[in-house]
Amino acid sequence: MKSKKDRETAVKSMEEAIEHTRQEELLHQDDPVALEALATMRGIAQYLLSLNRPN
C-alpha cells in the first residue's frame, strides 16, 4: 500500500466483506456449499486484516 488512506480504504473494505459474509450466512443456512464458500471468504478477509496490524 502506498499511503495511509489506501490502507484505511483496504481495512474498511475487508471489514465490510466480513460483515457481508455474516449476513449472507443467514440467507444460505440450508446450503452447505455456500456456507463453506462464505467461511473461506471471511477467513481470507480476516487474514488480510491481520497483515495490516503492527507486529
PDB file of N, CA and C in Angstrom:
ATOM      1  N   MET A   1       0.840  -1.175   0.000  1.00  0.00           N
ATOM      2  CA  MET A   1       0.000   0.000   0.000  1.00  0.00           C
ATOM      3  C   MET A   1       0.887   1.242   0.000  1.00  0.00           C
ATOM      4  N   LYS A   2       0.437   2.226  -0.693  1.00  0.00           N
ATOM      5  CA  LYS A   2       1.272   3.403  -0.864  1.00  0.00           C
ATOM      6  C   LYS A   2       1.019   4.478   0.170  1.00  0.00           C
ATOM      7  N   SER A   3      -0.172   4.557   0.698  1.00  0.00           N
ATOM      8  CA  SER A   3      -0.454   5.641   1.625  1.00  0.00           C
ATOM      9  C   SER A   3      -1.340   5.156   2.758  1.00  0.00           C
ATOM     10  N   LYS A   4      -1.419   5.995   3.776  1.00  0.00           N
ATOM     11  CA  LYS A   4      -2.273   5.678   4.913  1.00  0.00           C
ATOM     12  C   LYS A   4      -3.735   5.587   4.463  1.00  0.00           C
ATOM     13  N   LYS A   5      -4.122   6.472   3.553  1.00  0.00           N
ATOM     14  CA  LYS A   5      -5.501   6.449   3.057  1.00  0.00           C
ATOM     15  C   LYS A   5      -5.795   5.142   2.323  1.00  0.00           C
ATOM     16  N   ASP A   6      -4.834   4.660   1.534  1.00  0.00           N
ATOM     17  CA  ASP A   6      -5.009   3.380   0.842  1.00  0.00           C
ATOM     18  C   ASP A   6      -5.201   2.248   1.845  1.00  0.00           C
ATOM     19  N   ARG A   7      -4.412   2.251   2.911  1.00  0.00           N
ATOM     20  CA  ARG A   7      -4.542   1.214   3.947  1.00  0.00           C
ATOM     21  C   ARG A   7      -5.901   1.302   4.625  1.00  0.00           C
ATOM     22  N   GLU A   8      -6.323   2.528   4.944  1.00  0.00           N
ATOM     23  CA  GLU A   8      -7.614   2.703   5.602  1.00  0.00           C
ATOM     24  C   GLU A   8      -8.752   2.214   4.710  1.00  0.00           C
ATOM     25  N   THR A   9      -8.651   2.491   3.425  1.00  0.00           N
ATOM     26  CA  THR A   9      -9.665   2.033   2.478  1.00  0.00           C
ATOM     27  C   THR A   9      -9.681   0.508   2.408  1.00  0.00           C
ATOM     28  N   ALA A  10      -8.511  -0.100   2.380  1.00  0.00           N
ATOM     29  CA  ALA A  10      -8.423  -1.563   2.328  1.00  0.00           C
ATOM     30  C   ALA A  10      -8.993  -2.187   3.597  1.00  0.00           C
ATOM     31  N   VAL A  11      -8.673  -1.616   4.746  1.00  0.00           N
ATOM     32  CA  VAL A  11      -9.191  -2.132   6.016  1.00  0.00           C
ATOM     33  C   VAL A  11     -10.711  -2.039   6.034  1.00  0.00           C
ATOM     34  N   LYS A  12     -11.239  -0.903   5.621  1.00  0.00           N
ATOM     35  CA  LYS A  12     -12.692  -0.735   5.602  1.00  0.00           C
ATOM     36  C   LYS A  12     -13.338  -1.754   4.664  1.00  0.00           C
ATOM     37  N   SER A  13     -12.737  -1.976   3.523  1.00  0.00           N
ATOM     38  CA  SER A  13     -13.275  -2.950   2.569  1.00  0.00           C
ATOM     39  C   SER A  13     -13.282  -4.358   3.158  1.00  0.00           C
ATOM     40  N   MET A  14     -12.218  -4.733   3.849  1.00  0.00           N
ATOM     41  CA  MET A  14     -12.154  -6.065   4.446  1.00  0.00           C
ATOM     42  C   MET A  14     -13.178  -6.203   5.566  1.00  0.00           C
ATOM     43  N   GLU A  15     -13.346  -5.151   6.365  1.00  0.00           N
ATOM     44  CA  GLU A  15     -14.352  -5.190   7.430  1.00  0.00           C
ATOM     45  C   GLU A  15     -15.751  -5.330   6.842  1.00  0.00           C
ATOM     46  N   GLU A  16     -16.007  -4.626   5.743  1.00  0.00           N
ATOM     47  CA  GLU A  16     -17.302  -4.743   5.068  1.00  0.00           C
ATOM     48  C   GLU A  16     -17.494  -6.144   4.495  1.00  0.00           C
ATOM     49  N   ALA A  17     -16.444  -6.726   3.969  1.00  0.00           N
ATOM     50  CA  ALA A  17     -16.531  -8.085   3.420  1.00  0.00           C
ATOM     51  C   ALA A  17     -16.862  -9.089   4.517  1.00  0.00           C
ATOM     52  N   ILE A  18     -16.239  -8.929   5.670  1.00  0.00           N
ATOM     53  CA  ILE A  18     -16.513  -9.825   6.799  1.00  0.00           C
ATOM     54  C   ILE A  18     -17.972  -9.703   7.221  1.00  0.00           C
ATOM     55  N   GLU A  19     -18.457  -8.482   7.343  1.00  0.00           N
ATOM     56  CA  GLU A  19     -19.852  -8.271   7.727  1.00  0.00           C
ATOM     57  C   GLU A  19     -20.796  -8.839   6.667  1.00  0.00           C
ATOM     58  N   HIS A  20     -20.467  -8.655   5.420  1.00  0.00           N
ATOM     59  CA  HIS A  20     -21.303  -9.170   4.332  1.00  0.00           C
ATOM     60  C   HIS A  20     -21.405 -10.696   4.395  1.00  0.00           C
ATOM     61  N   THR A  21     -20.301 -11.363   4.670  1.00  0.00           N
ATOM     62  CA  THR A  21     -20.349 -12.827   4.739  1.00  0.00           C
ATOM     63  C   THR A  21     -21.222 -13.278   5.907  1.00  0.00           C
ATOM     64  N   ARG A  22     -21.196 -12.544   7.000  1.00  0.00           N
ATOM     65  CA  ARG A  22     -22.057 -12.901   8.144  1.00  0.00           C
ATOM     66  C   ARG A  22     -23.532 -12.771   7.769  1.00  0.00           C
ATOM     67  N   GLN A  23     -23.865 -11.697   7.069  1.00  0.00           N
ATOM     68  CA  GLN A  23     -25.256 -11.501   6.646  1.00  0.00           C
ATOM     69  C   GLN A  23     -25.685 -12.574   5.653  1.00  0.00           C
ATOM     70  N   GLU A  24     -24.820 -12.902   4.729  1.00  0.00           N
ATOM     71  CA  GLU A  24     -25.145 -13.913   3.720  1.00  0.00           C
ATOM     72  C   GLU A  24     -25.306 -15.297   4.339  1.00  0.00           C
ATOM     73  N   GLU A  25     -24.571 -15.587   5.405  1.00  0.00           N
ATOM     74  CA  GLU A  25     -24.718 -16.886   6.063  1.00  0.00           C
ATOM     75  C   GLU A  25     -26.142 -17.083   6.562  1.00  0.00           C
ATOM     76  N   LEU A  26     -26.770 -16.008   7.006  1.00  0.00           N
ATOM     77  CA  LEU A  26     -28.146 -16.107   7.484  1.00  0.00           C
ATOM     78  C   LEU A  26     -29.103 -16.467   6.347  1.00  0.00           C
ATOM     79  N   LEU A  27     -28.793 -16.019   5.150  1.00  0.00           N
ATOM     80  CA  LEU A  27     -29.652 -16.296   3.997  1.00  0.00           C
ATOM     81  C   LEU A  27     -29.429 -17.687   3.408  1.00  0.00           C
ATOM     82  N   HIS A  28     -28.271 -18.269   3.647  1.00  0.00           N
ATOM     83  CA  HIS A  28     -27.899 -19.531   2.997  1.00  0.00           C
ATOM     84  C   HIS A  28     -27.645 -20.651   3.999  1.00  0.00           C
ATOM     85  N   GLN A  29     -28.373 -20.644   5.099  1.00  0.00           N
ATOM     86  CA  GLN A  29     -28.142 -21.644   6.139  1.00  0.00           C
ATOM     87  C   GLN A  29     -28.397 -23.070   5.668  1.00  0.00           C
ATOM     88  N   ASP A  30     -29.203 -23.229   4.635  1.00  0.00           N
ATOM     89  CA  ASP A  30     -29.531 -24.573   4.154  1.00  0.00           C
ATOM     90  C   ASP A  30     -28.642 -25.025   2.995  1.00  0.00           C
ATOM     91  N   ASP A  31     -27.599 -24.271   2.703  1.00  0.00           N
ATOM     92  CA  ASP A  31     -26.711 -24.586   1.574  1.00  0.00           C
ATOM     93  C   ASP A  31     -25.274 -24.735   2.079  1.00  0.00           C
ATOM     94  N   PRO A  32     -24.841 -25.974   2.338  1.00  0.00           N
ATOM     95  CA  PRO A  32     -23.507 -26.172   2.908  1.00  0.00           C
ATOM     96  C   PRO A  32     -22.371 -25.673   2.011  1.00  0.00           C
ATOM     97  N   VAL A  33     -22.556 -25.734   0.704  1.00  0.00           N
ATOM     98  CA  VAL A  33     -21.509 -25.256  -0.204  1.00  0.00           C
ATOM     99  C   VAL A  33     -21.362 -23.743  -0.075  1.00  0.00           C
ATOM    100  N   ALA A  34     -22.488 -23.045  -0.036  1.00  0.00           N
ATOM    101  CA  ALA A  34     -22.445 -21.587   0.121  1.00  0.00           C
ATOM    102  C   ALA A  34     -21.839 -21.214   1.469  1.00  0.00           C
ATOM    103  N   LEU A  35     -22.204 -21.933   2.510  1.00  0.00           N
ATOM    104  CA  LEU A  35     -21.658 -21.638   3.838  1.00  0.00           C
ATOM    105  C   LEU A  35     -20.144 -21.828   3.869  1.00  0.00           C
ATOM    106  N   GLU A  36     -19.672 -22.871   3.215  1.00  0.00           N
ATOM    107  CA  GLU A  36     -18.227 -23.116   3.160  1.00  0.00           C
ATOM    108  C   GLU A  36     -17.524 -22.011   2.388  1.00  0.00           C
ATOM    109  N   ALA A  37     -18.108 -21.591   1.280  1.00  0.00           N
ATOM    110  CA  ALA A  37     -17.514 -20.508   0.487  1.00  0.00           C
ATOM    111  C   ALA A  37     -17.488 -19.207   1.278  1.00  0.00           C
ATOM    112  N   LEU A  38     -18.559 -18.916   1.982  1.00  0.00           N
ATOM    113  CA  LEU A  38     -18.611 -17.694   2.789  1.00  0.00           C
ATOM    114  C   LEU A  38     -17.584 -17.740   3.917  1.00  0.00           C
ATOM    115  N   ALA A  39     -17.447 -18.893   4.549  1.00  0.00           N
ATOM    116  CA  ALA A  39     -16.454 -19.036   5.616  1.00  0.00           C
ATOM    117  C   ALA A  39     -15.046 -18.837   5.072  1.00  0.00           C
ATOM    118  N   THR A  40     -14.793 -19.346   3.882  1.00  0.00           N
ATOM    119  CA  THR A  40     -13.485 -19.171   3.253  1.00  0.00           C
ATOM    120  C   THR A  40     -13.224 -17.702   2.952  1.00  0.00           C
ATOM    121  N   MET A  41     -14.215 -17.032   2.386  1.00  0.00           N
ATOM    122  CA  MET A  41     -14.051 -15.602   2.076  1.00  0.00           C
ATOM    123  C   MET A  41     -13.812 -14.789   3.342  1.00  0.00           C
ATOM    124  N   ARG A  42     -14.555 -15.113   4.409  1.00  0.00           N
ATOM    125  CA  ARG A  42     -14.374 -14.395   5.673  1.00  0.00           C
ATOM    126  C   ARG A  42     -12.977 -14.646   6.233  1.00  0.00           C
ATOM    127  N   GLY A  43     -12.516 -15.878   6.144  1.00  0.00           N
ATOM    128  CA  GLY A  43     -11.176 -16.203   6.622  1.00  0.00           C
ATOM    129  C   GLY A  43     -10.097 -15.445   5.873  1.00  0.00           C
ATOM    130  N   ILE A  44     -10.252 -15.327   4.568  1.00  0.00           N
ATOM    131  CA  ILE A  44      -9.284 -14.576   3.770  1.00  0.00           C
ATOM    132  C   ILE A  44      -9.298 -13.109   4.175  1.00  0.00           C
ATOM    133  N   ALA A  45     -10.484 -12.535   4.328  1.00  0.00           N
ATOM    134  CA  ALA A  45     -10.584 -11.125   4.724  1.00  0.00           C
ATOM    135  C   ALA A  45      -9.962 -10.908   6.104  1.00  0.00           C
ATOM    136  N   GLN A  46     -10.202 -11.829   7.028  1.00  0.00           N
ATOM    137  CA  GLN A  46      -9.614 -11.702   8.364  1.00  0.00           C
ATOM    138  C   GLN A  46      -8.095 -11.813   8.301  1.00  0.00           C
ATOM    139  N   TYR A  47      -7.591 -12.689   7.461  1.00  0.00           N
ATOM    140  CA  TYR A  47      -6.145 -12.824   7.298  1.00  0.00           C
ATOM    141  C   TYR A  47      -5.549 -11.534   6.742  1.00  0.00           C
ATOM    142  N   LEU A  48      -6.178 -10.981   5.715  1.00  0.00           N
ATOM    143  CA  LEU A  48      -5.675  -9.735   5.137  1.00  0.00           C
ATOM    144  C   LEU A  48      -5.696  -8.604   6.160  1.00  0.00           C
ATOM    145  N   LEU A  49      -6.725  -8.563   6.994  1.00  0.00           N
ATOM    146  CA  LEU A  49      -6.753  -7.555   8.058  1.00  0.00           C
ATOM    147  C   LEU A  49      -5.598  -7.767   9.031  1.00  0.00           C
ATOM    148  N   SER A  50      -5.286  -9.011   9.324  1.00  0.00           N
ATOM    149  CA  SER A  50      -4.203  -9.291  10.275  1.00  0.00           C
ATOM    150  C   SER A  50      -2.858  -8.811   9.745  1.00  0.00           C
ATOM    151  N   LEU A  51      -2.697  -8.788   8.432  1.00  0.00           N
ATOM    152  CA  LEU A  51      -1.445  -8.302   7.847  1.00  0.00           C
ATOM    153  C   LEU A  51      -1.258  -6.810   8.068  1.00  0.00           C
ATOM    154  N   ASN A  52      -2.346  -6.101   8.279  1.00  0.00           N
ATOM    155  CA  ASN A  52      -2.290  -4.659   8.472  1.00  0.00           C
ATOM    156  C   ASN A  52      -1.938  -4.280   9.908  1.00  0.00           C
ATOM    157  N   ARG A  53      -2.095  -5.215  10.827  1.00  0.00           N
ATOM    158  CA  ARG A  53      -1.811  -4.912  12.237  1.00  0.00           C
ATOM    159  C   ARG A  53      -0.313  -4.793  12.467  1.00  0.00           C
ATOM    160  N   PRO A  54       0.066  -3.877  13.357  1.00  0.00           N
ATOM    161  CA  PRO A  54       1.504  -3.769  13.663  1.00  0.00           C
ATOM    162  C   PRO A  54       2.003  -5.032  14.352  1.00  0.00           C
ATOM    163  N   ASN A  55       3.253  -5.348  14.142  1.00  0.00           N
ATOM    164  CA  ASN A  55       3.840  -6.573  14.722  1.00  0.00           C
ATOM    165  C   ASN A  55       3.980  -6.481  16.197  1.00  0.00           C
TER     166      ASN A  55
END
